[in-house]
PDB file of N, CA and C in Angstrom:
ATOM      1  N   MET A   1     -14.616 -25.964  -7.050  1.00  0.00           N
ATOM      2  CA  MET A   1     -14.028 -26.722  -8.137  1.00  0.00           C
ATOM      3  C   MET A   1     -14.173 -28.204  -7.832  1.00  0.00           C
ATOM      4  N   ALA A   2     -14.633 -28.944  -8.783  1.00  0.00           N
ATOM      5  CA  ALA A   2     -14.823 -30.383  -8.598  1.00  0.00           C
ATOM      6  C   ALA A   2     -13.798 -31.154  -9.429  1.00  0.00           C
ATOM      7  N   ILE A   3     -13.414 -32.293  -8.899  1.00  0.00           N
ATOM      8  CA  ILE A   3     -12.492 -33.180  -9.592  1.00  0.00           C
ATOM      9  C   ILE A   3     -13.326 -34.210 -10.345  1.00  0.00           C
ATOM     10  N   GLY A   4     -13.050 -34.356 -11.624  1.00  0.00           N
ATOM     11  CA  GLY A   4     -13.752 -35.345 -12.433  1.00  0.00           C
ATOM     12  C   GLY A   4     -12.853 -36.530 -12.762  1.00  0.00           C
ATOM     13  N   ARG A   5     -13.388 -37.459 -13.502  1.00  0.00           N
ATOM     14  CA  ARG A   5     -12.653 -38.672 -13.869  1.00  0.00           C
ATOM     15  C   ARG A   5     -11.374 -38.326 -14.636  1.00  0.00           C
ATOM     16  N   LYS A   6     -11.459 -37.331 -15.528  1.00  0.00           N
ATOM     17  CA  LYS A   6     -10.297 -36.948 -16.340  1.00  0.00           C
ATOM     18  C   LYS A   6      -9.149 -36.455 -15.454  1.00  0.00           C
ATOM     19  N   GLU A   7      -9.485 -35.642 -14.443  1.00  0.00           N
ATOM     20  CA  GLU A   7      -8.455 -35.143 -13.522  1.00  0.00           C
ATOM     21  C   GLU A   7      -7.862 -36.279 -12.690  1.00  0.00           C
ATOM     22  N   VAL A   8      -8.704 -37.207 -12.247  1.00  0.00           N
ATOM     23  CA  VAL A   8      -8.225 -38.358 -11.474  1.00  0.00           C
ATOM     24  C   VAL A   8      -7.244 -39.177 -12.313  1.00  0.00           C
ATOM     25  N   GLU A   9      -7.592 -39.415 -13.556  1.00  0.00           N
ATOM     26  CA  GLU A   9      -6.703 -40.185 -14.436  1.00  0.00           C
ATOM     27  C   GLU A   9      -5.396 -39.438 -14.686  1.00  0.00           C
ATOM     28  N   HIS A  10      -5.468 -38.104 -14.797  1.00  0.00           N
ATOM     29  CA  HIS A  10      -4.260 -37.305 -14.993  1.00  0.00           C
ATOM     30  C   HIS A  10      -3.363 -37.372 -13.751  1.00  0.00           C
ATOM     31  N   ILE A  11      -3.964 -37.228 -12.577  1.00  0.00           N
ATOM     32  CA  ILE A  11      -3.208 -37.313 -11.325  1.00  0.00           C
ATOM     33  C   ILE A  11      -2.574 -38.693 -11.185  1.00  0.00           C
ATOM     34  N   ALA A  12      -3.331 -39.738 -11.510  1.00  0.00           N
ATOM     35  CA  ALA A  12      -2.802 -41.103 -11.427  1.00  0.00           C
ATOM     36  C   ALA A  12      -1.628 -41.281 -12.397  1.00  0.00           C
ATOM     37  N   ALA A  13      -1.726 -40.704 -13.587  1.00  0.00           N
ATOM     38  CA  ALA A  13      -0.635 -40.806 -14.556  1.00  0.00           C
ATOM     39  C   ALA A  13       0.604 -40.075 -14.057  1.00  0.00           C
ATOM     40  N   LEU A  14       0.414 -38.886 -13.458  1.00  0.00           N
ATOM     41  CA  LEU A  14       1.548 -38.139 -12.906  1.00  0.00           C
ATOM     42  C   LEU A  14       2.231 -38.908 -11.781  1.00  0.00           C
ATOM     43  N   ALA A  15       1.430 -39.603 -10.990  1.00  0.00           N
ATOM     44  CA  ALA A  15       1.963 -40.384  -9.870  1.00  0.00           C
ATOM     45  C   ALA A  15       2.387 -41.783 -10.293  1.00  0.00           C
ATOM     46  N   ARG A  16       2.227 -42.078 -11.582  1.00  0.00           N
ATOM     47  CA  ARG A  16       2.576 -43.388 -12.141  1.00  0.00           C
ATOM     48  C   ARG A  16       1.835 -44.514 -11.420  1.00  0.00           C
ATOM     49  N   LEU A  17       0.534 -44.269 -11.217  1.00  0.00           N
ATOM     50  CA  LEU A  17      -0.319 -45.264 -10.581  1.00  0.00           C
ATOM     51  C   LEU A  17      -1.220 -45.910 -11.617  1.00  0.00           C
ATOM     52  N   SER A  18      -1.387 -47.194 -11.490  1.00  0.00           N
ATOM     53  CA  SER A  18      -2.325 -47.919 -12.342  1.00  0.00           C
ATOM     54  C   SER A  18      -3.558 -48.215 -11.493  1.00  0.00           C
ATOM     55  N   LEU A  19      -4.652 -47.526 -11.782  1.00  0.00           N
ATOM     56  CA  LEU A  19      -5.860 -47.654 -10.968  1.00  0.00           C
ATOM     57  C   LEU A  19      -6.960 -48.363 -11.736  1.00  0.00           C
ATOM     58  N   GLY A  20      -7.679 -49.199 -11.024  1.00  0.00           N
ATOM     59  CA  GLY A  20      -8.866 -49.826 -11.597  1.00  0.00           C
ATOM     60  C   GLY A  20     -10.030 -48.852 -11.536  1.00  0.00           C
ATOM     61  N   GLU A  21     -11.147 -49.216 -12.149  1.00  0.00           N
ATOM     62  CA  GLU A  21     -12.320 -48.334 -12.185  1.00  0.00           C
ATOM     63  C   GLU A  21     -12.849 -48.030 -10.786  1.00  0.00           C
ATOM     64  N   ALA A  22     -12.883 -49.033  -9.925  1.00  0.00           N
ATOM     65  CA  ALA A  22     -13.382 -48.816  -8.558  1.00  0.00           C
ATOM     66  C   ALA A  22     -12.456 -47.862  -7.799  1.00  0.00           C
ATOM     67  N   GLU A  23     -11.150 -48.009  -8.012  1.00  0.00           N
ATOM     68  CA  GLU A  23     -10.190 -47.125  -7.341  1.00  0.00           C
ATOM     69  C   GLU A  23     -10.315 -45.694  -7.853  1.00  0.00           C
ATOM     70  N   LYS A  24     -10.544 -45.532  -9.145  1.00  0.00           N
ATOM     71  CA  LYS A  24     -10.722 -44.194  -9.714  1.00  0.00           C
ATOM     72  C   LYS A  24     -11.958 -43.528  -9.126  1.00  0.00           C
ATOM     73  N   THR A  25     -13.035 -44.291  -9.002  1.00  0.00           N
ATOM     74  CA  THR A  25     -14.268 -43.754  -8.435  1.00  0.00           C
ATOM     75  C   THR A  25     -14.049 -43.344  -6.980  1.00  0.00           C
ATOM     76  N   SER A  26     -13.373 -44.202  -6.227  1.00  0.00           N
ATOM     77  CA  SER A  26     -13.101 -43.914  -4.817  1.00  0.00           C
ATOM     78  C   SER A  26     -12.201 -42.689  -4.681  1.00  0.00           C
ATOM     79  N   LEU A  27     -11.158 -42.607  -5.510  1.00  0.00           N
ATOM     80  CA  LEU A  27     -10.237 -41.480  -5.448  1.00  0.00           C
ATOM     81  C   LEU A  27     -10.941 -40.180  -5.834  1.00  0.00           C
ATOM     82  N   GLU A  28     -11.794 -40.235  -6.818  1.00  0.00           N
ATOM     83  CA  GLU A  28     -12.556 -39.053  -7.223  1.00  0.00           C
ATOM     84  C   GLU A  28     -13.406 -38.547  -6.055  1.00  0.00           C
ATOM     85  N   LYS A  29     -14.078 -39.472  -5.369  1.00  0.00           N
ATOM     86  CA  LYS A  29     -14.911 -39.119  -4.219  1.00  0.00           C
ATOM     87  C   LYS A  29     -14.051 -38.509  -3.104  1.00  0.00           C
ATOM     88  N   ASP A  30     -12.909 -39.152  -2.805  1.00  0.00           N
ATOM     89  CA  ASP A  30     -12.030 -38.675  -1.732  1.00  0.00           C
ATOM     90  C   ASP A  30     -11.453 -37.300  -2.045  1.00  0.00           C
ATOM     91  N   LEU A  31     -10.986 -37.098  -3.271  1.00  0.00           N
ATOM     92  CA  LEU A  31     -10.409 -35.801  -3.647  1.00  0.00           C
ATOM     93  C   LEU A  31     -11.456 -34.699  -3.584  1.00  0.00           C
ATOM     94  N   ASN A  32     -12.670 -34.989  -4.002  1.00  0.00           N
ATOM     95  CA  ASN A  32     -13.740 -33.991  -3.917  1.00  0.00           C
ATOM     96  C   ASN A  32     -14.090 -33.670  -2.468  1.00  0.00           C
ATOM     97  N   ALA A  33     -14.023 -34.670  -1.592  1.00  0.00           N
ATOM     98  CA  ALA A  33     -14.281 -34.422  -0.168  1.00  0.00           C
ATOM     99  C   ALA A  33     -13.191 -33.522   0.409  1.00  0.00           C
ATOM    100  N   ILE A  34     -11.948 -33.760   0.018  1.00  0.00           N
ATOM    101  CA  ILE A  34     -10.840 -32.927   0.496  1.00  0.00           C
ATOM    102  C   ILE A  34     -11.021 -31.493   0.009  1.00  0.00           C
ATOM    103  N   LEU A  35     -11.325 -31.331  -1.265  1.00  0.00           N
ATOM    104  CA  LEU A  35     -11.526 -29.988  -1.803  1.00  0.00           C
ATOM    105  C   LEU A  35     -12.711 -29.290  -1.135  1.00  0.00           C
ATOM    106  N   GLY A  36     -13.758 -30.036  -0.811  1.00  0.00           N
ATOM    107  CA  GLY A  36     -14.901 -29.460  -0.107  1.00  0.00           C
ATOM    108  C   GLY A  36     -14.508 -28.948   1.262  1.00  0.00           C
ATOM    109  N   TYR A  37     -13.663 -29.693   1.944  1.00  0.00           N
ATOM    110  CA  TYR A  37     -13.197 -29.274   3.262  1.00  0.00           C
ATOM    111  C   TYR A  37     -12.335 -28.019   3.146  1.00  0.00           C
ATOM    112  N   VAL A  38     -11.465 -27.972   2.140  1.00  0.00           N
ATOM    113  CA  VAL A  38     -10.607 -26.801   1.932  1.00  0.00           C
ATOM    114  C   VAL A  38     -11.466 -25.577   1.627  1.00  0.00           C
ATOM    115  N   GLU A  39     -12.539 -25.745   0.861  1.00  0.00           N
ATOM    116  CA  GLU A  39     -13.451 -24.631   0.579  1.00  0.00           C
ATOM    117  C   GLU A  39     -14.105 -24.125   1.863  1.00  0.00           C
ATOM    118  N   LYS A  40     -14.463 -25.035   2.764  1.00  0.00           N
ATOM    119  CA  LYS A  40     -15.031 -24.625   4.050  1.00  0.00           C
ATOM    120  C   LYS A  40     -14.021 -23.796   4.835  1.00  0.00           C
ATOM    121  N   LEU A  41     -12.767 -24.239   4.834  1.00  0.00           N
ATOM    122  CA  LEU A  41     -11.733 -23.493   5.546  1.00  0.00           C
ATOM    123  C   LEU A  41     -11.531 -22.118   4.927  1.00  0.00           C
ATOM    124  N   GLY A  42     -11.620 -22.040   3.603  1.00  0.00           N
ATOM    125  CA  GLY A  42     -11.461 -20.764   2.923  1.00  0.00           C
ATOM    126  C   GLY A  42     -12.585 -19.796   3.221  1.00  0.00           C
ATOM    127  N   ALA A  43     -13.727 -20.279   3.604  1.00  0.00           N
ATOM    128  CA  ALA A  43     -14.873 -19.431   3.897  1.00  0.00           C
ATOM    129  C   ALA A  43     -14.826 -18.851   5.315  1.00  0.00           C
ATOM    130  N   LEU A  44     -13.938 -19.339   6.153  1.00  0.00           N
ATOM    131  CA  LEU A  44     -13.859 -18.855   7.531  1.00  0.00           C
ATOM    132  C   LEU A  44     -13.309 -17.445   7.581  1.00  0.00           C
ATOM    133  N   ASP A  45     -13.828 -16.658   8.513  1.00  0.00           N
ATOM    134  CA  ASP A  45     -13.331 -15.302   8.723  1.00  0.00           C
ATOM    135  C   ASP A  45     -12.111 -15.375   9.638  1.00  0.00           C
ATOM    136  N   THR A  46     -10.956 -15.108   9.092  1.00  0.00           N
ATOM    137  CA  THR A  46      -9.720 -15.187   9.874  1.00  0.00           C
ATOM    138  C   THR A  46      -9.145 -13.796  10.145  1.00  0.00           C
ATOM    139  N   GLU A  47      -9.938 -12.770   9.926  1.00  0.00           N
ATOM    140  CA  GLU A  47      -9.484 -11.409  10.167  1.00  0.00           C
ATOM    141  C   GLU A  47      -9.164 -11.231  11.648  1.00  0.00           C
ATOM    142  N   GLY A  48      -8.006 -10.702  11.933  1.00  0.00           N
ATOM    143  CA  GLY A  48      -7.610 -10.440  13.319  1.00  0.00           C
ATOM    144  C   GLY A  48      -7.029 -11.641  14.037  1.00  0.00           C
ATOM    145  N   ILE A  49      -6.893 -12.759  13.370  1.00  0.00           N
ATOM    146  CA  ILE A  49      -6.301 -13.952  13.994  1.00  0.00           C
ATOM    147  C   ILE A  49      -4.838 -14.020  13.594  1.00  0.00           C
ATOM    148  N   ALA A  50      -3.978 -14.071  14.588  1.00  0.00           N
ATOM    149  CA  ALA A  50      -2.541 -14.100  14.321  1.00  0.00           C
ATOM    150  C   ALA A  50      -2.149 -15.429  13.687  1.00  0.00           C
ATOM    151  N   PRO A  51      -1.279 -15.383  12.687  1.00  0.00           N
ATOM    152  CA  PRO A  51      -0.813 -16.641  12.091  1.00  0.00           C
ATOM    153  C   PRO A  51      -0.022 -17.463  13.101  1.00  0.00           C
ATOM    154  N   THR A  52      -0.150 -18.760  13.013  1.00  0.00           N
ATOM    155  CA  THR A  52       0.588 -19.644  13.912  1.00  0.00           C
ATOM    156  C   THR A  52       1.356 -20.665  13.091  1.00  0.00           C
ATOM    157  N   SER A  53       2.436 -21.142  13.668  1.00  0.00           N
ATOM    158  CA  SER A  53       3.194 -22.196  13.004  1.00  0.00           C
ATOM    159  C   SER A  53       2.878 -23.559  13.608  1.00  0.00           C
ATOM    160  N   HIS A  54       2.140 -23.556  14.721  1.00  0.00           N
ATOM    161  CA  HIS A  54       1.789 -24.808  15.382  1.00  0.00           C
ATOM    162  C   HIS A  54       0.446 -24.627  16.076  1.00  0.00           C
ATOM    163  N   ALA A  55      -0.346 -25.652  16.068  1.00  0.00           N
ATOM    164  CA  ALA A  55      -1.682 -25.561  16.655  1.00  0.00           C
ATOM    165  C   ALA A  55      -1.654 -25.445  18.173  1.00  0.00           C
ATOM    166  N   LEU A  56      -0.620 -25.973  18.794  1.00  0.00           N
ATOM    167  CA  LEU A  56      -0.515 -25.930  20.250  1.00  0.00           C
ATOM    168  C   LEU A  56       0.517 -24.895  20.663  1.00  0.00           C
ATOM    169  N   ASP A  57       0.300 -24.289  21.808  1.00  0.00           N
ATOM    170  CA  ASP A  57       1.253 -23.324  22.340  1.00  0.00           C
ATOM    171  C   ASP A  57       2.382 -24.093  23.021  1.00  0.00           C
ATOM    172  N   ILE A  58       3.448 -24.333  22.261  1.00  0.00           N
ATOM    173  CA  ILE A  58       4.562 -25.107  22.809  1.00  0.00           C
ATOM    174  C   ILE A  58       5.799 -24.226  22.906  1.00  0.00           C
ATOM    175  N   VAL A  59       6.716 -24.668  23.714  1.00  0.00           N
ATOM    176  CA  VAL A  59       7.981 -23.947  23.859  1.00  0.00           C
ATOM    177  C   VAL A  59       9.098 -24.821  23.319  1.00  0.00           C
ATOM    178  N   ASN A  60      10.209 -24.187  23.040  1.00  0.00           N
ATOM    179  CA  ASN A  60      11.367 -24.894  22.520  1.00  0.00           C
ATOM    180  C   ASN A  60      11.828 -25.945  23.536  1.00  0.00           C
ATOM    181  N   ALA A  61      11.946 -27.175  23.086  1.00  0.00           N
ATOM    182  CA  ALA A  61      12.327 -28.270  23.978  1.00  0.00           C
ATOM    183  C   ALA A  61      13.823 -28.519  23.973  1.00  0.00           C
ATOM    184  N   PHE A  62      14.577 -27.703  23.230  1.00  0.00           N
ATOM    185  CA  PHE A  62      16.019 -27.915  23.166  1.00  0.00           C
ATOM    186  C   PHE A  62      16.680 -27.457  24.446  1.00  0.00           C
ATOM    187  N   ARG A  63      17.756 -28.087  24.777  1.00  0.00           N
ATOM    188  CA  ARG A  63      18.511 -27.695  25.958  1.00  0.00           C
ATOM    189  C   ARG A  63      19.562 -26.671  25.569  1.00  0.00           C
ATOM    190  N   GLU A  64      20.071 -25.986  26.538  1.00  0.00           N
ATOM    191  CA  GLU A  64      21.159 -25.045  26.300  1.00  0.00           C
ATOM    192  C   GLU A  64      22.435 -25.815  25.983  1.00  0.00           C
ATOM    193  N   ASP A  65      23.288 -25.238  25.151  1.00  0.00           N
ATOM    194  CA  ASP A  65      24.591 -25.843  24.892  1.00  0.00           C
ATOM    195  C   ASP A  65      25.479 -25.614  26.104  1.00  0.00           C
ATOM    196  N   VAL A  66      25.920 -26.703  26.694  1.00  0.00           N
ATOM    197  CA  VAL A  66      26.774 -26.621  27.865  1.00  0.00           C
ATOM    198  C   VAL A  66      28.003 -27.465  27.608  1.00  0.00           C
ATOM    199  N   LEU A  67      29.164 -26.894  27.823  1.00  0.00           N
ATOM    200  CA  LEU A  67      30.397 -27.661  27.667  1.00  0.00           C
ATOM    201  C   LEU A  67      30.496 -28.695  28.772  1.00  0.00           C
ATOM    202  N   THR A  68      30.823 -29.920  28.388  1.00  0.00           N
ATOM    203  CA  THR A  68      31.018 -30.992  29.358  1.00  0.00           C
ATOM    204  C   THR A  68      32.345 -31.671  29.058  1.00  0.00           C
ATOM    205  N   PRO A  69      32.947 -32.271  30.041  1.00  0.00           N
ATOM    206  CA  PRO A  69      34.212 -32.968  29.800  1.00  0.00           C
ATOM    207  C   PRO A  69      34.028 -34.088  28.785  1.00  0.00           C
ATOM    208  N   PHE A  70      34.995 -34.241  27.906  1.00  0.00           N
ATOM    209  CA  PHE A  70      34.908 -35.234  26.841  1.00  0.00           C
ATOM    210  C   PHE A  70      35.168 -36.642  27.350  1.00  0.00           C
ATOM    211  N   GLY A  71      36.057 -36.779  28.258  1.00  0.00           N
ATOM    212  CA  GLY A  71      36.417 -38.109  28.746  1.00  0.00           C
ATOM    213  C   GLY A  71      37.877 -38.384  28.452  1.00  0.00           C
ATOM    214  N   ASP A  72      38.306 -39.552  28.821  1.00  0.00           N
ATOM    215  CA  ASP A  72      39.703 -39.944  28.625  1.00  0.00           C
ATOM    216  C   ASP A  72      39.912 -40.367  27.173  1.00  0.00           C
ATOM    217  N   ARG A  73      40.640 -39.546  26.423  1.00  0.00           N
ATOM    218  CA  ARG A  73      40.842 -39.784  24.991  1.00  0.00           C
ATOM    219  C   ARG A  73      41.516 -41.134  24.739  1.00  0.00           C
ATOM    220  N   GLU A  74      42.522 -41.464  25.499  1.00  0.00           N
ATOM    221  CA  GLU A  74      43.221 -42.734  25.283  1.00  0.00           C
ATOM    222  C   GLU A  74      42.313 -43.931  25.546  1.00  0.00           C
ATOM    223  N   LYS A  75      41.504 -43.852  26.583  1.00  0.00           N
ATOM    224  CA  LYS A  75      40.582 -44.944  26.887  1.00  0.00           C
ATOM    225  C   LYS A  75      39.544 -45.103  25.772  1.00  0.00           C
ATOM    226  N   ILE A  76      39.068 -43.979  25.232  1.00  0.00           N
ATOM    227  CA  ILE A  76      38.105 -44.029  24.136  1.00  0.00           C
ATOM    228  C   ILE A  76      38.758 -44.640  22.902  1.00  0.00           C
ATOM    229  N   LEU A  77      39.979 -44.243  22.597  1.00  0.00           N
ATOM    230  CA  LEU A  77      40.674 -44.746  21.412  1.00  0.00           C
ATOM    231  C   LEU A  77      41.053 -46.226  21.526  1.00  0.00           C
ATOM    232  N   GLU A  78      41.032 -46.779  22.730  1.00  0.00           N
ATOM    233  CA  GLU A  78      41.311 -48.205  22.889  1.00  0.00           C
ATOM    234  C   GLU A  78      40.277 -49.046  22.137  1.00  0.00           C
ATOM    235  N   ASN A  79      39.065 -48.516  21.951  1.00  0.00           N
ATOM    236  CA  ASN A  79      38.001 -49.236  21.258  1.00  0.00           C
ATOM    237  C   ASN A  79      38.055 -49.076  19.742  1.00  0.00           C
ATOM    238  N   ALA A  80      38.937 -48.223  19.254  1.00  0.00           N
ATOM    239  CA  ALA A  80      38.999 -47.963  17.814  1.00  0.00           C
ATOM    240  C   ALA A  80      39.646 -49.138  17.091  1.00  0.00           C
ATOM    241  N   PRO A  81      39.069 -49.575  15.966  1.00  0.00           N
ATOM    242  CA  PRO A  81      39.696 -50.643  15.195  1.00  0.00           C
ATOM    243  C   PRO A  81      41.017 -50.187  14.580  1.00  0.00           C
ATOM    244  N   ALA A  82      41.118 -48.868  14.293  1.00  0.00           N
ATOM    245  CA  ALA A  82      42.363 -48.305  13.766  1.00  0.00           C
ATOM    246  C   ALA A  82      42.459 -46.861  14.219  1.00  0.00           C
ATOM    247  N   LYS A  83      43.675 -46.417  14.515  1.00  0.00           N
ATOM    248  CA  LYS A  83      43.857 -45.032  14.933  1.00  0.00           C
ATOM    249  C   LYS A  83      45.179 -44.509  14.404  1.00  0.00           C
ATOM    250  N   VAL A  84      45.239 -43.206  14.252  1.00  0.00           N
ATOM    251  CA  VAL A  84      46.456 -42.508  13.854  1.00  0.00           C
ATOM    252  C   VAL A  84      46.664 -41.413  14.880  1.00  0.00           C
ATOM    253  N   GLU A  85      47.765 -41.485  15.582  1.00  0.00           N
ATOM    254  CA  GLU A  85      48.065 -40.566  16.679  1.00  0.00           C
ATOM    255  C   GLU A  85      46.897 -40.567  17.661  1.00  0.00           C
ATOM    256  N   SER A  86      46.205 -39.432  17.804  1.00  0.00           N
ATOM    257  CA  SER A  86      45.098 -39.391  18.766  1.00  0.00           C
ATOM    258  C   SER A  86      43.749 -39.253  18.067  1.00  0.00           C
ATOM    259  N   PHE A  87      43.635 -39.872  16.856  1.00  0.00           N
ATOM    260  CA  PHE A  87      42.408 -39.789  16.070  1.00  0.00           C
ATOM    261  C   PHE A  87      41.962 -41.163  15.608  1.00  0.00           C
ATOM    262  N   PHE A  88      40.654 -41.327  15.393  1.00  0.00           N
ATOM    263  CA  PHE A  88      40.140 -42.531  14.762  1.00  0.00           C
ATOM    264  C   PHE A  88      40.592 -42.531  13.309  1.00  0.00           C
ATOM    265  N   GLN A  89      40.989 -43.674  12.793  1.00  0.00           N
ATOM    266  CA  GLN A  89      41.307 -43.795  11.376  1.00  0.00           C
ATOM    267  C   GLN A  89      40.117 -44.453  10.688  1.00  0.00           C
ATOM    268  N   VAL A  90      39.623 -43.801   9.631  1.00  0.00           N
ATOM    269  CA  VAL A  90      38.475 -44.317   8.892  1.00  0.00           C
ATOM    270  C   VAL A  90      38.844 -44.467   7.434  1.00  0.00           C
ATOM    271  N   PRO A  91      38.157 -45.352   6.703  1.00  0.00           N
ATOM    272  CA  PRO A  91      38.468 -45.518   5.287  1.00  0.00           C
ATOM    273  C   PRO A  91      38.105 -44.250   4.510  1.00  0.00           C
ATOM    274  N   PRO A  92      38.844 -43.943   3.457  1.00  0.00           N
ATOM    275  CA  PRO A  92      38.512 -42.775   2.641  1.00  0.00           C
ATOM    276  C   PRO A  92      37.177 -42.981   1.930  1.00  0.00           C
ATOM    277  N   ILE A  93      36.456 -41.888   1.708  1.00  0.00           N
ATOM    278  CA  ILE A  93      35.171 -41.994   1.034  1.00  0.00           C
ATOM    279  C   ILE A  93      35.149 -41.244  -0.289  1.00  0.00           C
ATOM    280  N   SER A  94      36.204 -40.516  -0.583  1.00  0.00           N
ATOM    281  CA  SER A  94      36.213 -39.758  -1.829  1.00  0.00           C
ATOM    282  C   SER A  94      36.426 -40.670  -3.009  1.00  0.00           C
ATOM    283  N   GLU A  95      35.928 -40.253  -4.176  1.00  0.00           N
ATOM    284  CA  GLU A  95      36.008 -41.037  -5.390  1.00  0.00           C
ATOM    285  C   GLU A  95      37.477 -41.287  -5.748  1.00  0.00           C
ATOM    286  N   GLY A  96      37.777 -42.475  -6.210  1.00  0.00           N
ATOM    287  CA  GLY A  96      39.128 -42.804  -6.602  1.00  0.00           C
ATOM    288  C   GLY A  96      39.970 -43.343  -5.455  1.00  0.00           C
ATOM    289  N   ASN A  97      39.506 -43.148  -4.227  1.00  0.00           N
ATOM    290  CA  ASN A  97      40.244 -43.645  -3.064  1.00  0.00           C
ATOM    291  C   ASN A  97      39.454 -44.720  -2.334  1.00  0.00           C
ATOM    292  N   SER A  98      38.563 -45.375  -3.047  1.00  0.00           N
ATOM    293  CA  SER A  98      37.709 -46.368  -2.432  1.00  0.00           C
ATOM    294  C   SER A  98      38.542 -47.533  -1.903  1.00  0.00           C
ATOM    295  N   PRO A  99      38.227 -48.043  -0.718  1.00  0.00           N
ATOM    296  CA  PRO A  99      38.993 -49.147  -0.148  1.00  0.00           C
ATOM    297  C   PRO A  99      38.751 -50.466  -0.861  1.00  0.00           C
ATOM    298  N   THR A 100      37.762 -50.545  -1.780  1.00  0.00           N
ATOM    299  CA  THR A 100      37.480 -51.813  -2.447  1.00  0.00           C
ATOM    300  C   THR A 100      38.322 -52.000  -3.673  1.00  0.00           C
TER     301      THR A 100
END
């Protein structure tokens, strides 16, 4: 399938792009090159090849969840601009309770 000028103009309109004639010609060439590459990929024999989610054989880089001490709550709260009991006090964010 080839992309023509009409398709390029339609794509540009969908993307709300204003393209000059040179840009339309360049985009037409680029889109056709992309489609040509996709056709090459479609022609490959992939029978017996397991699907992959990543090109490289990588392992999960996440660490295990380990409980660690939180720290001195009172010392941490000393830095709070406002606090209520043993909690940070923050401005309300719900509608109608705006601090402004």
